[in-house]
């Protein structure tokens, strides 16, 4: 009994070493199915990698869009500030006032 088991193990190892294991197991009739399975596996892996790359690009683009939104908001605020300041200065000139827009930042007046 032990001799038969040892003979089978030795036979299987020899088949693996010589590359005949699949032929001895009669897997050659399923060769097309095996190749199809490997192709499907490679396509699945490839598509997964492509999806990951696309998600990374989307994330980077969203970060860039957020930076641009912040920049646009800052520029709009500056534009509104300039527009209101120039309109106020124009109105002061129309009214004949000598007051102008401040050229220096405001200072805090301390009161008791």
PDB file of N, CA and C in Angstrom:
ATOM      1  N   UNK A   1       0.838  -1.188   0.000  1.00  0.00           N
ATOM      2  CA  UNK A   1       0.000   0.000   0.000  1.00  0.00           C
ATOM      3  C   UNK A   1       0.875   1.241   0.000  1.00  0.00           C
ATOM      4  N   UNK A   2       1.862   1.292   0.910  1.00  0.00           N
ATOM      5  CA  UNK A   2       2.746   2.450   0.972  1.00  0.00           C
ATOM      6  C   UNK A   2       3.553   2.572  -0.320  1.00  0.00           C
ATOM      7  N   UNK A   3       3.878   1.448  -0.935  1.00  0.00           N
ATOM      8  CA  UNK A   3       4.628   1.460  -2.198  1.00  0.00           C
ATOM      9  C   UNK A   3       3.816   2.078  -3.315  1.00  0.00           C
ATOM     10  N   UNK A   4       2.521   1.803  -3.313  1.00  0.00           N
ATOM     11  CA  UNK A   4       1.656   2.376  -4.361  1.00  0.00           C
ATOM     12  C   UNK A   4       1.507   3.884  -4.176  1.00  0.00           C
ATOM     13  N   UNK A   5       1.374   4.320  -2.923  1.00  0.00           N
ATOM     14  CA  UNK A   5       1.242   5.757  -2.649  1.00  0.00           C
ATOM     15  C   UNK A   5       2.529   6.462  -3.054  1.00  0.00           C
ATOM     16  N   UNK A   6       3.667   5.851  -2.653  1.00  0.00           N
ATOM     17  CA  UNK A   6       4.947   6.459  -3.006  1.00  0.00           C
ATOM     18  C   UNK A   6       5.134   6.498  -4.519  1.00  0.00           C
ATOM     19  N   UNK A   7       4.725   5.459  -5.194  1.00  0.00           N
ATOM     20  CA  UNK A   7       4.823   5.401  -6.657  1.00  0.00           C
ATOM     21  C   UNK A   7       3.944   6.490  -7.286  1.00  0.00           C
ATOM     22  N   UNK A   8       2.746   6.703  -6.759  1.00  0.00           N
ATOM     23  CA  UNK A   8       1.854   7.741  -7.285  1.00  0.00           C
ATOM     24  C   UNK A   8       2.421   9.131  -7.060  1.00  0.00           C
ATOM     25  N   UNK A   9       2.974   9.366  -5.893  1.00  0.00           N
ATOM     26  CA  UNK A   9       3.564  10.676  -5.592  1.00  0.00           C
ATOM     27  C   UNK A   9       4.747  10.928  -6.513  1.00  0.00           C
ATOM     28  N   UNK A  10       5.613   9.896  -6.649  1.00  0.00           N
ATOM     29  CA  UNK A  10       6.778  10.024  -7.525  1.00  0.00           C
ATOM     30  C   UNK A  10       6.356  10.242  -8.977  1.00  0.00           C
ATOM     31  N   UNK A  11       5.316   9.570  -9.396  1.00  0.00           N
ATOM     32  CA  UNK A  11       4.789   9.716 -10.750  1.00  0.00           C
ATOM     33  C   UNK A  11       4.232  11.142 -10.954  1.00  0.00           C
ATOM     34  N   UNK A  12       3.521  11.655  -9.954  1.00  0.00           N
ATOM     35  CA  UNK A  12       2.968  13.010 -10.051  1.00  0.00           C
ATOM     36  C   UNK A  12       4.085  14.047 -10.092  1.00  0.00           C
ATOM     37  N   UNK A  13       5.123  13.888  -9.261  1.00  0.00           N
ATOM     38  CA  UNK A  13       6.249  14.818  -9.273  1.00  0.00           C
ATOM     39  C   UNK A  13       6.985  14.797 -10.605  1.00  0.00           C
ATOM     40  N   UNK A  14       7.161  13.614 -11.172  1.00  0.00           N
ATOM     41  CA  UNK A  14       7.806  13.501 -12.480  1.00  0.00           C
ATOM     42  C   UNK A  14       6.951  14.184 -13.550  1.00  0.00           C
ATOM     43  N   UNK A  15       5.645  14.029 -13.463  1.00  0.00           N
ATOM     44  CA  UNK A  15       4.746  14.667 -14.432  1.00  0.00           C
ATOM     45  C   UNK A  15       4.814  16.194 -14.308  1.00  0.00           C
ATOM     46  N   UNK A  16       4.912  16.684 -13.088  1.00  0.00           N
ATOM     47  CA  UNK A  16       5.041  18.135 -12.883  1.00  0.00           C
ATOM     48  C   UNK A  16       6.368  18.615 -13.449  1.00  0.00           C
ATOM     49  N   UNK A  17       7.434  17.894 -13.162  1.00  0.00           N
ATOM     50  CA  UNK A  17       8.760  18.287 -13.628  1.00  0.00           C
ATOM     51  C   UNK A  17       8.836  18.274 -15.155  1.00  0.00           C
ATOM     52  N   UNK A  18       8.227  17.333 -15.789  1.00  0.00           N
ATOM     53  CA  UNK A  18       8.279  17.212 -17.248  1.00  0.00           C
ATOM     54  C   UNK A  18       7.169  18.012 -17.925  1.00  0.00           C
ATOM     55  N   UNK A  19       6.295  18.661 -17.151  1.00  0.00           N
ATOM     56  CA  UNK A  19       5.239  19.481 -17.726  1.00  0.00           C
ATOM     57  C   UNK A  19       4.099  18.685 -18.322  1.00  0.00           C
ATOM     58  N   UNK A  20       3.875  17.482 -17.859  1.00  0.00           N
ATOM     59  CA  UNK A  20       2.835  16.629 -18.419  1.00  0.00           C
ATOM     60  C   UNK A  20       1.653  16.436 -17.480  1.00  0.00           C
ATOM     61  N   UNK A  21       1.617  17.172 -16.380  1.00  0.00           N
ATOM     62  CA  UNK A  21       0.572  16.943 -15.378  1.00  0.00           C
ATOM     63  C   UNK A  21      -0.820  17.161 -15.963  1.00  0.00           C
ATOM     64  N   UNK A  22      -1.013  18.268 -16.668  1.00  0.00           N
ATOM     65  CA  UNK A  22      -2.337  18.552 -17.225  1.00  0.00           C
ATOM     66  C   UNK A  22      -2.715  17.531 -18.303  1.00  0.00           C
ATOM     67  N   UNK A  23      -1.721  17.061 -19.040  1.00  0.00           N
ATOM     68  CA  UNK A  23      -2.019  16.054 -20.066  1.00  0.00           C
ATOM     69  C   UNK A  23      -2.396  14.717 -19.428  1.00  0.00           C
ATOM     70  N   UNK A  24      -1.718  14.356 -18.337  1.00  0.00           N
ATOM     71  CA  UNK A  24      -2.047  13.097 -17.657  1.00  0.00           C
ATOM     72  C   UNK A  24      -3.416  13.156 -16.987  1.00  0.00           C
ATOM     73  N   UNK A  25      -3.805  14.383 -16.582  1.00  0.00           N
ATOM     74  CA  UNK A  25      -5.130  14.534 -15.977  1.00  0.00           C
ATOM     75  C   UNK A  25      -6.221  14.714 -17.026  1.00  0.00           C
ATOM     76  N   UNK A  26      -5.841  14.662 -18.287  1.00  0.00           N
ATOM     77  CA  UNK A  26      -6.752  14.823 -19.436  1.00  0.00           C
ATOM     78  C   UNK A  26      -7.406  16.211 -19.427  1.00  0.00           C
ATOM     79  N   UNK A  27      -6.628  17.216 -19.029  1.00  0.00           N
ATOM     80  CA  UNK A  27      -7.135  18.587 -19.013  1.00  0.00           C
ATOM     81  C   UNK A  27      -7.033  19.227 -20.391  1.00  0.00           C
ATOM     82  N   UNK A  28      -6.429  18.506 -21.362  1.00  0.00           N
ATOM     83  CA  UNK A  28      -6.282  19.074 -22.699  1.00  0.00           C
ATOM     84  C   UNK A  28      -7.632  19.288 -23.382  1.00  0.00           C
ATOM     85  N   UNK A  29      -8.628  18.524 -23.008  1.00  0.00           N
ATOM     86  CA  UNK A  29      -9.938  18.730 -23.627  1.00  0.00           C
ATOM     87  C   UNK A  29     -10.625  19.992 -23.081  1.00  0.00           C
ATOM     88  N   UNK A  30     -10.102  20.541 -21.966  1.00  0.00           N
ATOM     89  CA  UNK A  30     -10.637  21.782 -21.396  1.00  0.00           C
ATOM     90  C   UNK A  30      -9.716  22.981 -21.654  1.00  0.00           C
ATOM     91  N   UNK A  31      -8.766  22.817 -22.561  1.00  0.00           N
ATOM     92  CA  UNK A  31      -7.780  23.849 -22.813  1.00  0.00           C
ATOM     93  C   UNK A  31      -8.421  25.164 -23.236  1.00  0.00           C
ATOM     94  N   UNK A  32      -9.408  25.109 -24.086  1.00  0.00           N
ATOM     95  CA  UNK A  32     -10.079  26.330 -24.545  1.00  0.00           C
ATOM     96  C   UNK A  32     -10.736  27.038 -23.362  1.00  0.00           C
ATOM     97  N   UNK A  33     -11.352  26.273 -22.495  1.00  0.00           N
ATOM     98  CA  UNK A  33     -12.003  26.867 -21.323  1.00  0.00           C
ATOM     99  C   UNK A  33     -10.978  27.483 -20.375  1.00  0.00           C
ATOM    100  N   UNK A  34      -9.852  26.810 -20.209  1.00  0.00           N
ATOM    101  CA  UNK A  34      -8.800  27.329 -19.328  1.00  0.00           C
ATOM    102  C   UNK A  34      -8.231  28.626 -19.891  1.00  0.00           C
ATOM    103  N   UNK A  35      -7.965  28.646 -21.200  1.00  0.00           N
ATOM    104  CA  UNK A  35      -7.461  29.876 -21.825  1.00  0.00           C
ATOM    105  C   UNK A  35      -8.474  31.010 -21.711  1.00  0.00           C
ATOM    106  N   UNK A  36      -9.736  30.693 -21.922  1.00  0.00           N
ATOM    107  CA  UNK A  36     -10.800  31.699 -21.798  1.00  0.00           C
ATOM    108  C   UNK A  36     -10.842  32.260 -20.371  1.00  0.00           C
ATOM    109  N   UNK A  37     -10.678  31.385 -19.389  1.00  0.00           N
ATOM    110  CA  UNK A  37     -10.674  31.811 -17.990  1.00  0.00           C
ATOM    111  C   UNK A  37      -9.499  32.756 -17.705  1.00  0.00           C
ATOM    112  N   UNK A  38      -8.316  32.407 -18.196  1.00  0.00           N
ATOM    113  CA  UNK A  38      -7.157  33.270 -17.981  1.00  0.00           C
ATOM    114  C   UNK A  38      -7.324  34.623 -18.682  1.00  0.00           C
ATOM    115  N   UNK A  39      -7.879  34.608 -19.882  1.00  0.00           N
ATOM    116  CA  UNK A  39      -8.125  35.876 -20.589  1.00  0.00           C
ATOM    117  C   UNK A  39      -9.114  36.731 -19.805  1.00  0.00           C
ATOM    118  N   UNK A  40     -10.166  36.122 -19.300  1.00  0.00           N
ATOM    119  CA  UNK A  40     -11.131  36.877 -18.495  1.00  0.00           C
ATOM    120  C   UNK A  40     -10.487  37.451 -17.236  1.00  0.00           C
ATOM    121  N   UNK A  41      -9.621  36.672 -16.605  1.00  0.00           N
ATOM    122  CA  UNK A  41      -8.937  37.165 -15.409  1.00  0.00           C
ATOM    123  C   UNK A  41      -8.057  38.364 -15.743  1.00  0.00           C
ATOM    124  N   UNK A  42      -7.292  38.297 -16.836  1.00  0.00           N
ATOM    125  CA  UNK A  42      -6.422  39.405 -17.217  1.00  0.00           C
ATOM    126  C   UNK A  42      -7.241  40.645 -17.586  1.00  0.00           C
ATOM    127  N   UNK A  43      -8.335  40.454 -18.283  1.00  0.00           N
ATOM    128  CA  UNK A  43      -9.192  41.594 -18.642  1.00  0.00           C
ATOM    129  C   UNK A  43      -9.766  42.226 -17.377  1.00  0.00           C
ATOM    130  N   UNK A  44     -10.190  41.414 -16.429  1.00  0.00           N
ATOM    131  CA  UNK A  44     -10.731  41.933 -15.174  1.00  0.00           C
ATOM    132  C   UNK A  44      -9.681  42.731 -14.411  1.00  0.00           C
ATOM    133  N   UNK A  45      -8.473  42.215 -14.336  1.00  0.00           N
ATOM    134  CA  UNK A  45      -7.392  42.930 -13.656  1.00  0.00           C
ATOM    135  C   UNK A  45      -7.086  44.240 -14.376  1.00  0.00           C
ATOM    136  N   UNK A  46      -7.001  44.196 -15.703  1.00  0.00           N
ATOM    137  CA  UNK A  46      -6.706  45.393 -16.491  1.00  0.00           C
ATOM    138  C   UNK A  46      -7.787  46.453 -16.298  1.00  0.00           C
ATOM    139  N   UNK A  47      -9.044  46.061 -16.344  1.00  0.00           N
ATOM    140  CA  UNK A  47     -10.127  47.027 -16.161  1.00  0.00           C
ATOM    141  C   UNK A  47     -10.128  47.597 -14.749  1.00  0.00           C
ATOM    142  N   UNK A  48      -9.806  46.782 -13.769  1.00  0.00           N
ATOM    143  CA  UNK A  48      -9.710  47.288 -12.398  1.00  0.00           C
ATOM    144  C   UNK A  48      -8.635  48.345 -12.260  1.00  0.00           C
ATOM    145  N   UNK A  49      -7.491  48.118 -12.898  1.00  0.00           N
ATOM    146  CA  UNK A  49      -6.405  49.104 -12.867  1.00  0.00           C
ATOM    147  C   UNK A  49      -6.843  50.383 -13.568  1.00  0.00           C
ATOM    148  N   UNK A  50      -7.520  50.254 -14.701  1.00  0.00           N
ATOM    149  CA  UNK A  50      -7.993  51.434 -15.430  1.00  0.00           C
ATOM    150  C   UNK A  50      -8.998  52.228 -14.604  1.00  0.00           C
ATOM    151  N   UNK A  51      -9.882  51.539 -13.901  1.00  0.00           N
ATOM    152  CA  UNK A  51     -10.856  52.221 -13.049  1.00  0.00           C
ATOM    153  C   UNK A  51     -10.147  52.977 -11.934  1.00  0.00           C
ATOM    154  N   UNK A  52      -9.146  52.356 -11.332  1.00  0.00           N
ATOM    155  CA  UNK A  52      -8.371  53.030 -10.281  1.00  0.00           C
ATOM    156  C   UNK A  52      -7.690  54.285 -10.817  1.00  0.00           C
ATOM    157  N   UNK A  53      -7.086  54.189 -12.002  1.00  0.00           N
ATOM    158  CA  UNK A  53      -6.438  55.356 -12.600  1.00  0.00           C
ATOM    159  C   UNK A  53      -7.453  56.472 -12.848  1.00  0.00           C
ATOM    160  N   UNK A  54      -8.631  56.102 -13.336  1.00  0.00           N
ATOM    161  CA  UNK A  54      -9.668  57.093 -13.615  1.00  0.00           C
ATOM    162  C   UNK A  54     -10.140  57.757 -12.335  1.00  0.00           C
ATOM    163  N   UNK A  55     -10.323  56.983 -11.275  1.00  0.00           N
ATOM    164  CA  UNK A  55     -10.755  57.555 -10.008  1.00  0.00           C
ATOM    165  C   UNK A  55      -9.702  58.502  -9.434  1.00  0.00           C
ATOM    166  N   UNK A  56      -8.436  58.171  -9.602  1.00  0.00           N
ATOM    167  CA  UNK A  56      -7.365  59.052  -9.133  1.00  0.00           C
ATOM    168  C   UNK A  56      -7.394  60.364  -9.916  1.00  0.00           C
ATOM    169  N   UNK A  57      -7.576  60.275 -11.255  1.00  0.00           N
ATOM    170  CA  UNK A  57      -7.654  61.500 -12.065  1.00  0.00           C
ATOM    171  C   UNK A  57      -8.855  62.343 -11.678  1.00  0.00           C
ATOM    172  N   UNK A  58      -9.990  61.710 -11.400  1.00  0.00           N
ATOM    173  CA  UNK A  58     -11.185  62.450 -10.992  1.00  0.00           C
ATOM    174  C   UNK A  58     -10.926  63.167  -9.668  1.00  0.00           C
ATOM    175  N   UNK A  59     -10.289  62.492  -8.731  1.00  0.00           N
ATOM    176  CA  UNK A  59      -9.982  63.107  -7.434  1.00  0.00           C
ATOM    177  C   UNK A  59      -9.056  64.310  -7.608  1.00  0.00           C
ATOM    178  N   UNK A  60      -8.006  64.155  -8.423  1.00  0.00           N
ATOM    179  CA  UNK A  60      -7.087  65.266  -8.661  1.00  0.00           C
ATOM    180  C   UNK A  60      -7.799  66.436  -9.337  1.00  0.00           C
ATOM    181  N   UNK A  61      -8.673  66.135 -10.296  1.00  0.00           N
ATOM    182  CA  UNK A  61      -9.416  67.195 -10.976  1.00  0.00           C
ATOM    183  C   UNK A  61     -10.372  67.906 -10.034  1.00  0.00           C
ATOM    184  N   UNK A  62     -11.006  67.159  -9.140  1.00  0.00           N
ATOM    185  CA  UNK A  62     -11.903  67.789  -8.162  1.00  0.00           C
ATOM    186  C   UNK A  62     -11.140  68.710  -7.220  1.00  0.00           C
ATOM    187  N   UNK A  63      -9.937  68.295  -6.807  1.00  0.00           N
ATOM    188  CA  UNK A  63      -9.110  69.152  -5.958  1.00  0.00           C
ATOM    189  C   UNK A  63      -8.727  70.432  -6.695  1.00  0.00           C
ATOM    190  N   UNK A  64      -8.365  70.295  -7.969  1.00  0.00           N
ATOM    191  CA  UNK A  64      -8.003  71.468  -8.766  1.00  0.00           C
ATOM    192  C   UNK A  64      -9.209  72.389  -8.956  1.00  0.00           C
ATOM    193  N   UNK A  65     -10.379  71.808  -9.183  1.00  0.00           N
ATOM    194  CA  UNK A  65     -11.601  72.616  -9.317  1.00  0.00           C
ATOM    195  C   UNK A  65     -11.904  73.375  -8.036  1.00  0.00           C
ATOM    196  N   UNK A  66     -11.689  72.740  -6.907  1.00  0.00           N
ATOM    197  CA  UNK A  66     -11.941  73.412  -5.633  1.00  0.00           C
ATOM    198  C   UNK A  66     -10.993  74.590  -5.451  1.00  0.00           C
ATOM    199  N   UNK A  67      -9.729  74.407  -5.825  1.00  0.00           N
ATOM    200  CA  UNK A  67      -8.774  75.513  -5.746  1.00  0.00           C
ATOM    201  C   UNK A  67      -9.213  76.658  -6.652  1.00  0.00           C
ATOM    202  N   UNK A  68      -9.672  76.317  -7.855  1.00  0.00           N
ATOM    203  CA  UNK A  68     -10.113  77.352  -8.794  1.00  0.00           C
ATOM    204  C   UNK A  68     -11.379  78.059  -8.304  1.00  0.00           C
ATOM    205  N   UNK A  69     -12.277  77.323  -7.657  1.00  0.00           N
ATOM    206  CA  UNK A  69     -13.481  77.955  -7.094  1.00  0.00           C
ATOM    207  C   UNK A  69     -13.104  78.957  -6.005  1.00  0.00           C
ATOM    208  N   UNK A  70     -12.155  78.574  -5.154  1.00  0.00           N
ATOM    209  CA  UNK A  70     -11.702  79.478  -4.093  1.00  0.00           C
ATOM    210  C   UNK A  70     -11.058  80.721  -4.718  1.00  0.00           C
ATOM    211  N   UNK A  71     -10.220  80.533  -5.723  1.00  0.00           N
ATOM    212  CA  UNK A  71      -9.568  81.654  -6.392  1.00  0.00           C
ATOM    213  C   UNK A  71     -10.604  82.584  -7.015  1.00  0.00           C
ATOM    214  N   UNK A  72     -11.606  82.014  -7.690  1.00  0.00           N
ATOM    215  CA  UNK A  72     -12.653  82.822  -8.319  1.00  0.00           C
ATOM    216  C   UNK A  72     -13.434  83.616  -7.273  1.00  0.00           C
ATOM    217  N   UNK A  73     -13.749  82.979  -6.151  1.00  0.00           N
ATOM    218  CA  UNK A  73     -14.488  83.666  -5.090  1.00  0.00           C
ATOM    219  C   UNK A  73     -13.674  84.832  -4.536  1.00  0.00           C
ATOM    220  N   UNK A  74     -12.370  84.625  -4.347  1.00  0.00           N
ATOM    221  CA  UNK A  74     -11.515  85.706  -3.869  1.00  0.00           C
ATOM    222  C   UNK A  74     -11.492  86.864  -4.860  1.00  0.00           C
ATOM    223  N   UNK A  75     -11.386  86.552  -6.142  1.00  0.00           N
ATOM    224  CA  UNK A  75     -11.355  87.596  -7.166  1.00  0.00           C
ATOM    225  C   UNK A  75     -12.688  88.334  -7.239  1.00  0.00           C
ATOM    226  N   UNK A  76     -13.794  87.626  -7.109  1.00  0.00           N
ATOM    227  CA  UNK A  76     -15.107  88.275  -7.107  1.00  0.00           C
ATOM    228  C   UNK A  76     -15.242  89.224  -5.921  1.00  0.00           C
ATOM    229  N   UNK A  77     -14.751  88.790  -4.758  1.00  0.00           N
ATOM    230  CA  UNK A  77     -14.816  89.649  -3.573  1.00  0.00           C
ATOM    231  C   UNK A  77     -13.978  90.905  -3.778  1.00  0.00           C
ATOM    232  N   UNK A  78     -12.787  90.763  -4.372  1.00  0.00           N
ATOM    233  CA  UNK A  78     -11.958  91.930  -4.650  1.00  0.00           C
ATOM    234  C   UNK A  78     -12.639  92.867  -5.632  1.00  0.00           C
ATOM    235  N   UNK A  79     -13.276  92.298  -6.652  1.00  0.00           N
ATOM    236  CA  UNK A  79     -13.971  93.103  -7.655  1.00  0.00           C
ATOM    237  C   UNK A  79     -15.130  93.878  -7.038  1.00  0.00           C
ATOM    238  N   UNK A  80     -15.900  93.221  -6.197  1.00  0.00           N
ATOM    239  CA  UNK A  80     -17.020  93.892  -5.534  1.00  0.00           C
ATOM    240  C   UNK A  80     -16.502  95.012  -4.640  1.00  0.00           C
ATOM    241  N   UNK A  81     -15.411  94.744  -3.940  1.00  0.00           N
ATOM    242  CA  UNK A  81     -14.821  95.748  -3.056  1.00  0.00           C
ATOM    243  C   UNK A  81     -14.351  96.959  -3.870  1.00  0.00           C
ATOM    244  N   UNK A  82     -13.669  96.706  -4.979  1.00  0.00           N
ATOM    245  CA  UNK A  82     -13.208  97.809  -5.829  1.00  0.00           C
ATOM    246  C   UNK A  82     -14.379  98.578  -6.422  1.00  0.00           C
ATOM    247  N   UNK A  83     -15.391  97.868  -6.835  1.00  0.00           N
ATOM    248  CA  UNK A  83     -16.552  98.512  -7.443  1.00  0.00           C
ATOM    249  C   UNK A  83     -17.257  99.409  -6.428  1.00  0.00           C
ATOM    250  N   UNK A  84     -17.464  98.915  -5.235  1.00  0.00           N
ATOM    251  CA  UNK A  84     -18.166  99.706  -4.224  1.00  0.00           C
ATOM    252  C   UNK A  84     -17.310 100.885  -3.773  1.00  0.00           C
ATOM    253  N   UNK A  85     -15.985 100.701  -3.691  1.00  0.00           N
ATOM    254  CA  UNK A  85     -15.103 101.793  -3.281  1.00  0.00           C
ATOM    255  C   UNK A  85     -15.077 102.884  -4.344  1.00  0.00           C
ATOM    256  N   UNK A  86     -14.977 102.499  -5.604  1.00  0.00           N
ATOM    257  CA  UNK A  86     -14.936 103.503  -6.658  1.00  0.00           C
ATOM    258  C   UNK A  86     -16.282 104.206  -6.781  1.00  0.00           C
ATOM    259  N   UNK A  87     -17.365 103.490  -6.574  1.00  0.00           N
ATOM    260  CA  UNK A  87     -18.690 104.117  -6.627  1.00  0.00           C
ATOM    261  C   UNK A  87     -18.847 105.111  -5.484  1.00  0.00           C
ATOM    262  N   UNK A  88     -18.356 104.776  -4.313  1.00  0.00           N
ATOM    263  CA  UNK A  88     -18.446 105.692  -3.175  1.00  0.00           C
ATOM    264  C   UNK A  88     -17.597 106.939  -3.425  1.00  0.00           C
ATOM    265  N   UNK A  89     -16.403 106.759  -3.968  1.00  0.00           N
ATOM    266  CA  UNK A  89     -15.537 107.902  -4.244  1.00  0.00           C
ATOM    267  C   UNK A  89     -16.162 108.798  -5.316  1.00  0.00           C
ATOM    268  N   UNK A  90     -16.764 108.203  -6.325  1.00  0.00           N
ATOM    269  CA  UNK A  90     -17.418 108.970  -7.384  1.00  0.00           C
ATOM    270  C   UNK A  90     -18.578 109.768  -6.814  1.00  0.00           C
ATOM    271  N   UNK A  91     -19.358 109.162  -5.959  1.00  0.00           N
ATOM    272  CA  UNK A  91     -20.506 109.837  -5.348  1.00  0.00           C
ATOM    273  C   UNK A  91     -20.041 110.996  -4.459  1.00  0.00           C
ATOM    274  N   UNK A  92     -18.937 110.784  -3.719  1.00  0.00           N
ATOM    275  CA  UNK A  92     -18.394 111.863  -2.888  1.00  0.00           C
ATOM    276  C   UNK A  92     -17.971 113.047  -3.756  1.00  0.00           C
ATOM    277  N   UNK A  93     -17.340 112.803  -4.897  1.00  0.00           N
ATOM    278  CA  UNK A  93     -16.942 113.883  -5.793  1.00  0.00           C
ATOM    279  C   UNK A  93     -18.160 114.626  -6.329  1.00  0.00           C
ATOM    280  N   UNK A  94     -19.223 113.880  -6.654  1.00  0.00           N
ATOM    281  CA  UNK A  94     -20.452 114.498  -7.166  1.00  0.00           C
ATOM    282  C   UNK A  94     -21.056 115.427  -6.126  1.00  0.00           C
ATOM    283  N   UNK A  95     -20.965 115.040  -4.877  1.00  0.00           N
ATOM    284  CA  UNK A  95     -21.544 115.853  -3.802  1.00  0.00           C
ATOM    285  C   UNK A  95     -20.622 117.001  -3.390  1.00  0.00           C
ATOM    286  N   UNK A  96     -19.424 117.070  -3.949  1.00  0.00           N
ATOM    287  CA  UNK A  96     -18.510 118.154  -3.650  1.00  0.00           C
ATOM    288  C   UNK A  96     -17.716 117.953  -2.381  1.00  0.00           C
ATOM    289  N   UNK A  97     -17.655 116.754  -1.873  1.00  0.00           N
ATOM    290  CA  UNK A  97     -16.917 116.481  -0.642  1.00  0.00           C
ATOM    291  C   UNK A  97     -15.442 116.324  -0.944  1.00  0.00           C
ATOM    292  N   UNK A  98     -14.625 116.719   0.015  1.00  0.00           N
ATOM    293  CA  UNK A  98     -13.183 116.547  -0.138  1.00  0.00           C
ATOM    294  C   UNK A  98     -12.715 115.215   0.459  1.00  0.00           C
ATOM    295  N   UNK A  99     -13.601 114.469   1.022  1.00  0.00           N
ATOM    296  CA  UNK A  99     -13.250 113.174   1.607  1.00  0.00           C
ATOM    297  C   UNK A  99     -12.868 112.205   0.492  1.00  0.00           C
ATOM    298  N   UNK A 100     -11.864 111.396   0.762  1.00  0.00           N
ATOM    299  CA  UNK A 100     -11.427 110.398  -0.213  1.00  0.00           C
ATOM    300  C   UNK A 100     -11.322 109.049   0.482  1.00  0.00           C
ATOM    301  N   UNK A 101     -11.054 108.081  -0.302  1.00  0.00           N
ATOM    302  CA  UNK A 101     -10.870 106.741   0.270  1.00  0.00           C
ATOM    303  C   UNK A 101      -9.573 106.703   1.057  1.00  0.00           C
ATOM    304  N   UNK A 102      -9.524 105.936   2.118  1.00  0.00           N
ATOM    305  CA  UNK A 102      -8.296 105.871   2.924  1.00  0.00           C
ATOM    306  C   UNK A 102      -7.164 105.228   2.131  1.00  0.00           C
ATOM    307  N   UNK A 103      -5.980 105.740   2.341  1.00  0.00           N
ATOM    308  CA  UNK A 103      -4.797 105.169   1.686  1.00  0.00           C
ATOM    309  C   UNK A 103      -4.010 104.284   2.628  1.00  0.00           C
ATOM    310  N   UNK A 104      -4.266 104.434   3.930  1.00  0.00           N
ATOM    311  CA  UNK A 104      -3.584 103.621   4.938  1.00  0.00           C
ATOM    312  C   UNK A 104      -4.616 102.783   5.681  1.00  0.00           C
ATOM    313  N   UNK A 105      -4.190 101.675   6.281  1.00  0.00           N
ATOM    314  CA  UNK A 105      -5.143 100.862   7.032  1.00  0.00           C
ATOM    315  C   UNK A 105      -5.668 101.615   8.251  1.00  0.00           C
ATOM    316  N   UNK A 106      -6.824 101.230   8.710  1.00  0.00           N
ATOM    317  CA  UNK A 106      -7.436 101.902   9.859  1.00  0.00           C
ATOM    318  C   UNK A 106      -6.658 101.648  11.131  1.00  0.00           C
ATOM    319  N   UNK A 107      -6.788 102.565  12.051  1.00  0.00           N
ATOM    320  CA  UNK A 107      -6.144 102.389  13.362  1.00  0.00           C
ATOM    321  C   UNK A 107      -7.229 102.337  14.426  1.00  0.00           C
ATOM    322  N   UNK A 108      -6.929 101.692  15.515  1.00  0.00           N
ATOM    323  CA  UNK A 108      -7.897 101.528  16.598  1.00  0.00           C
ATOM    324  C   UNK A 108      -7.789 102.728  17.552  1.00  0.00           C
ATOM    325  N   UNK A 109      -8.916 103.352  17.824  1.00  0.00           N
ATOM    326  CA  UNK A 109      -8.953 104.468  18.761  1.00  0.00           C
ATOM    327  C   UNK A 109      -9.370 103.913  20.095  1.00  0.00           C
ATOM    328  N   UNK A 110      -8.532 104.138  21.112  1.00  0.00           N
ATOM    329  CA  UNK A 110      -8.822 103.609  22.441  1.00  0.00           C
ATOM    330  C   UNK A 110      -9.691 104.628  23.182  1.00  0.00           C
ATOM    331  N   UNK A 111     -10.769 104.124  23.769  1.00  0.00           N
ATOM    332  CA  UNK A 111     -11.656 104.974  24.567  1.00  0.00           C
ATOM    333  C   UNK A 111     -11.762 104.395  25.951  1.00  0.00           C
ATOM    334  N   UNK A 112     -12.121 105.305  26.893  1.00  0.00           N
ATOM    335  CA  UNK A 112     -12.262 104.835  28.276  1.00  0.00           C
ATOM    336  C   UNK A 112     -13.652 104.407  28.563  1.00  0.00           C
TER     337      UNK A 112
END
